Amino acid sequence: MTKADLVNAVAETGLTKKQAGEVVNAVLDGITEALQQGDKVQLIGFGSFSVKTREARSGRNPKTGEVLDIAARNIPVFKPGEALKAAVN
């Protein structure tokens, strides 16, 4: 499913496609902003979004074999809720 497909699904609730697009963008922007601030976003029954810190580590360039230092970084993480897990299985 693409973002356009999601907008079309939201538009089936009676909104125009433009309004549905604004709603989808607002939800995604809200999740993004919360994660940027270090907050956790919980959607009961669906799942939760959070930020995890990946520690610095050393890696290897597969082409040259050269050892590289990989810096620490923050990554977004999604953990599905029980209802989502049950719906998929």
N, C-alpha and C. Protein backbone atom coordinates (compact mmCIF):
# COMPACT_ATOMS: atom_id res chain seq x y z
N MET A 1 0.85 -1.17 0.00
CA MET A 1 0.00 0.00 0.00
C MET A 1 0.89 1.23 0.00
N THR A 2 0.59 2.15 -0.88
CA THR A 2 1.34 3.40 -0.96
C THR A 2 0.60 4.49 -0.19
N LYS A 3 1.25 5.63 -0.08
CA LYS A 3 0.61 6.76 0.59
C LYS A 3 -0.65 7.18 -0.15
N ALA A 4 -0.62 7.12 -1.50
CA ALA A 4 -1.80 7.47 -2.30
C ALA A 4 -2.94 6.49 -2.03
N ASP A 5 -2.62 5.22 -1.86
CA ASP A 5 -3.65 4.22 -1.53
C ASP A 5 -4.26 4.51 -0.17
N LEU A 6 -3.42 4.91 0.77
CA LEU A 6 -3.91 5.26 2.10
C LEU A 6 -4.82 6.48 2.05
N VAL A 7 -4.44 7.47 1.26
CA VAL A 7 -5.27 8.67 1.09
C VAL A 7 -6.62 8.27 0.50
N ASN A 8 -6.61 7.41 -0.49
CA ASN A 8 -7.87 6.95 -1.10
C ASN A 8 -8.74 6.21 -0.08
N ALA A 9 -8.13 5.40 0.78
CA ALA A 9 -8.89 4.67 1.80
C ALA A 9 -9.51 5.64 2.80
N VAL A 10 -8.78 6.67 3.18
CA VAL A 10 -9.32 7.67 4.11
C VAL A 10 -10.41 8.47 3.43
N ALA A 11 -10.27 8.73 2.13
CA ALA A 11 -11.27 9.50 1.39
C ALA A 11 -12.60 8.75 1.31
N GLU A 12 -12.58 7.43 1.45
CA GLU A 12 -13.82 6.66 1.41
C GLU A 12 -14.71 6.91 2.62
N THR A 13 -14.19 7.60 3.63
CA THR A 13 -14.99 7.91 4.81
C THR A 13 -15.89 9.12 4.59
N GLY A 14 -15.81 9.73 3.40
CA GLY A 14 -16.65 10.87 3.11
C GLY A 14 -15.89 12.16 2.91
N LEU A 15 -14.59 12.12 3.08
CA LEU A 15 -13.76 13.30 2.85
C LEU A 15 -13.36 13.38 1.38
N THR A 16 -12.99 14.57 0.96
CA THR A 16 -12.43 14.68 -0.39
C THR A 16 -11.01 14.15 -0.35
N LYS A 17 -10.45 13.88 -1.53
CA LYS A 17 -9.07 13.37 -1.56
C LYS A 17 -8.10 14.41 -1.00
N LYS A 18 -8.38 15.68 -1.25
CA LYS A 18 -7.51 16.74 -0.73
C LYS A 18 -7.55 16.75 0.79
N GLN A 19 -8.75 16.67 1.37
CA GLN A 19 -8.88 16.64 2.82
C GLN A 19 -8.24 15.39 3.40
N ALA A 20 -8.44 14.26 2.75
CA ALA A 20 -7.86 13.00 3.21
C ALA A 20 -6.34 13.08 3.17
N GLY A 21 -5.80 13.69 2.12
CA GLY A 21 -4.34 13.86 2.03
C GLY A 21 -3.81 14.72 3.15
N GLU A 22 -4.55 15.78 3.50
CA GLU A 22 -4.14 16.65 4.60
C GLU A 22 -4.18 15.90 5.92
N VAL A 23 -5.19 15.05 6.11
CA VAL A 23 -5.30 14.26 7.34
C VAL A 23 -4.12 13.29 7.45
N VAL A 24 -3.84 12.57 6.38
CA VAL A 24 -2.73 11.61 6.39
C VAL A 24 -1.42 12.33 6.65
N ASN A 25 -1.19 13.45 5.98
CA ASN A 25 0.04 14.22 6.19
C ASN A 25 0.14 14.73 7.62
N ALA A 26 -0.98 15.17 8.19
CA ALA A 26 -0.97 15.67 9.57
C ALA A 26 -0.61 14.56 10.55
N VAL A 27 -1.15 13.37 10.34
CA VAL A 27 -0.84 12.25 11.22
C VAL A 27 0.65 11.89 11.12
N LEU A 28 1.14 11.77 9.90
CA LEU A 28 2.55 11.42 9.71
C LEU A 28 3.47 12.50 10.26
N ASP A 29 3.12 13.76 10.05
CA ASP A 29 3.93 14.87 10.59
C ASP A 29 3.92 14.86 12.11
N GLY A 30 2.76 14.56 12.71
CA GLY A 30 2.66 14.50 14.16
C GLY A 30 3.53 13.40 14.75
N ILE A 31 3.53 12.23 14.10
CA ILE A 31 4.37 11.13 14.56
C ILE A 31 5.84 11.51 14.42
N THR A 32 6.19 12.11 13.28
CA THR A 32 7.58 12.50 13.04
C THR A 32 8.06 13.52 14.07
N GLU A 33 7.25 14.53 14.34
CA GLU A 33 7.63 15.56 15.30
C GLU A 33 7.80 14.98 16.70
N ALA A 34 6.91 14.09 17.09
CA ALA A 34 7.02 13.47 18.42
C ALA A 34 8.30 12.67 18.53
N LEU A 35 8.64 11.92 17.50
CA LEU A 35 9.86 11.13 17.53
C LEU A 35 11.09 12.01 17.54
N GLN A 36 11.05 13.14 16.83
CA GLN A 36 12.18 14.07 16.83
C GLN A 36 12.43 14.63 18.23
N GLN A 37 11.35 14.79 19.00
CA GLN A 37 11.47 15.31 20.37
C GLN A 37 11.82 14.21 21.37
N GLY A 38 11.92 12.98 20.89
CA GLY A 38 12.27 11.87 21.76
C GLY A 38 11.08 11.22 22.45
N ASP A 39 9.87 11.60 22.06
CA ASP A 39 8.67 11.02 22.65
C ASP A 39 8.34 9.68 22.01
N LYS A 40 7.52 8.91 22.71
CA LYS A 40 7.04 7.64 22.19
C LYS A 40 5.59 7.84 21.74
N VAL A 41 5.22 7.30 20.60
CA VAL A 41 3.86 7.43 20.08
C VAL A 41 3.19 6.07 20.19
N GLN A 42 2.10 5.99 20.97
CA GLN A 42 1.38 4.74 21.15
C GLN A 42 0.00 4.85 20.54
N LEU A 43 -0.30 3.93 19.64
CA LEU A 43 -1.63 3.83 19.05
C LEU A 43 -2.20 2.49 19.53
N ILE A 44 -3.05 2.56 20.56
CA ILE A 44 -3.54 1.36 21.22
C ILE A 44 -4.19 0.43 20.19
N GLY A 45 -3.79 -0.82 20.22
CA GLY A 45 -4.31 -1.83 19.30
C GLY A 45 -3.53 -1.91 18.01
N PHE A 46 -2.81 -0.85 17.65
CA PHE A 46 -2.04 -0.85 16.41
C PHE A 46 -0.57 -1.09 16.69
N GLY A 47 0.02 -0.26 17.55
CA GLY A 47 1.42 -0.42 17.88
C GLY A 47 2.01 0.87 18.42
N SER A 48 3.33 0.87 18.58
CA SER A 48 3.99 2.06 19.11
C SER A 48 5.26 2.36 18.32
N PHE A 49 5.52 3.65 18.18
CA PHE A 49 6.71 4.15 17.53
C PHE A 49 7.61 4.73 18.60
N SER A 50 8.90 4.48 18.52
CA SER A 50 9.85 5.06 19.46
C SER A 50 11.18 5.25 18.75
N VAL A 51 12.10 5.89 19.45
CA VAL A 51 13.44 6.14 18.90
C VAL A 51 14.43 5.30 19.70
N LYS A 52 15.29 4.59 19.00
CA LYS A 52 16.30 3.75 19.62
C LYS A 52 17.68 4.28 19.20
N THR A 53 18.61 4.27 20.12
CA THR A 53 19.97 4.71 19.82
C THR A 53 20.81 3.49 19.45
N ARG A 54 21.40 3.55 18.29
CA ARG A 54 22.34 2.51 17.85
C ARG A 54 23.73 2.96 18.24
N GLU A 55 24.42 2.15 19.00
CA GLU A 55 25.75 2.48 19.49
C GLU A 55 26.76 2.55 18.35
N ALA A 56 27.83 3.30 18.59
CA ALA A 56 28.92 3.37 17.61
C ALA A 56 29.58 2.00 17.51
N ARG A 57 30.02 1.66 16.33
CA ARG A 57 30.65 0.35 16.13
C ARG A 57 31.62 0.44 14.97
N SER A 58 32.39 -0.60 14.80
CA SER A 58 33.29 -0.63 13.66
C SER A 58 32.72 -1.61 12.64
N GLY A 59 32.89 -1.27 11.37
CA GLY A 59 32.42 -2.10 10.29
C GLY A 59 33.53 -2.32 9.29
N ARG A 60 33.21 -3.00 8.22
CA ARG A 60 34.23 -3.30 7.23
C ARG A 60 33.65 -3.02 5.84
N ASN A 61 34.44 -2.33 5.01
CA ASN A 61 34.06 -2.10 3.62
C ASN A 61 34.20 -3.44 2.89
N PRO A 62 33.08 -3.97 2.35
CA PRO A 62 33.18 -5.29 1.73
C PRO A 62 34.04 -5.32 0.47
N LYS A 63 34.20 -4.18 -0.18
CA LYS A 63 34.98 -4.15 -1.42
C LYS A 63 36.48 -4.13 -1.14
N THR A 64 36.88 -3.31 -0.17
CA THR A 64 38.32 -3.16 0.09
C THR A 64 38.78 -3.88 1.35
N GLY A 65 37.85 -4.23 2.23
CA GLY A 65 38.23 -4.87 3.49
C GLY A 65 38.69 -3.87 4.53
N GLU A 66 38.64 -2.58 4.21
CA GLU A 66 39.08 -1.53 5.13
C GLU A 66 38.12 -1.44 6.32
N VAL A 67 38.67 -1.29 7.53
CA VAL A 67 37.88 -1.15 8.73
C VAL A 67 37.41 0.31 8.82
N LEU A 68 36.10 0.49 9.08
CA LEU A 68 35.51 1.82 9.18
C LEU A 68 34.87 1.99 10.54
N ASP A 69 34.88 3.22 11.03
CA ASP A 69 34.16 3.55 12.26
C ASP A 69 32.77 4.04 11.88
N ILE A 70 31.73 3.40 12.43
CA ILE A 70 30.36 3.80 12.17
C ILE A 70 29.87 4.55 13.40
N ALA A 71 29.43 5.78 13.21
CA ALA A 71 29.03 6.64 14.33
C ALA A 71 27.70 6.17 14.93
N ALA A 72 27.48 6.54 16.18
CA ALA A 72 26.20 6.27 16.85
C ALA A 72 25.12 7.09 16.17
N ARG A 73 23.91 6.55 16.16
CA ARG A 73 22.80 7.27 15.54
C ARG A 73 21.47 6.83 16.12
N ASN A 74 20.48 7.67 15.97
CA ASN A 74 19.13 7.37 16.42
C ASN A 74 18.34 6.82 15.24
N ILE A 75 17.54 5.78 15.50
CA ILE A 75 16.71 5.20 14.45
C ILE A 75 15.28 5.05 14.97
N PRO A 76 14.28 5.23 14.10
CA PRO A 76 12.90 5.00 14.51
C PRO A 76 12.62 3.50 14.55
N VAL A 77 11.81 3.09 15.53
CA VAL A 77 11.46 1.69 15.71
C VAL A 77 9.96 1.58 15.85
N PHE A 78 9.37 0.56 15.22
CA PHE A 78 7.94 0.29 15.35
C PHE A 78 7.75 -1.06 16.00
N LYS A 79 6.90 -1.11 17.03
CA LYS A 79 6.59 -2.37 17.69
C LYS A 79 5.08 -2.58 17.54
N PRO A 80 4.66 -3.62 16.82
CA PRO A 80 3.22 -3.85 16.61
C PRO A 80 2.50 -4.22 17.90
N GLY A 81 1.24 -3.80 17.98
CA GLY A 81 0.40 -4.13 19.12
C GLY A 81 -0.21 -5.52 18.97
N GLU A 82 -0.82 -6.00 20.03
CA GLU A 82 -1.40 -7.34 20.01
C GLU A 82 -2.51 -7.48 18.98
N ALA A 83 -3.35 -6.46 18.84
CA ALA A 83 -4.46 -6.54 17.88
C ALA A 83 -3.93 -6.61 16.45
N LEU A 84 -2.89 -5.88 16.14
CA LEU A 84 -2.30 -5.92 14.80
C LEU A 84 -1.67 -7.29 14.55
N LYS A 85 -0.97 -7.81 15.54
CA LYS A 85 -0.37 -9.13 15.39
C LYS A 85 -1.43 -10.19 15.13
N ALA A 86 -2.53 -10.11 15.86
CA ALA A 86 -3.61 -11.09 15.71
C ALA A 86 -4.29 -10.95 14.35
N ALA A 87 -4.43 -9.73 13.86
CA ALA A 87 -5.09 -9.51 12.57
C ALA A 87 -4.25 -10.03 11.42
N VAL A 88 -2.94 -9.98 11.56
CA VAL A 88 -2.05 -10.41 10.47
C VAL A 88 -1.94 -11.93 10.45
N ASN A 89 -1.98 -12.56 11.60
CA ASN A 89 -1.84 -14.03 11.67
C ASN A 89 -3.10 -14.73 11.31
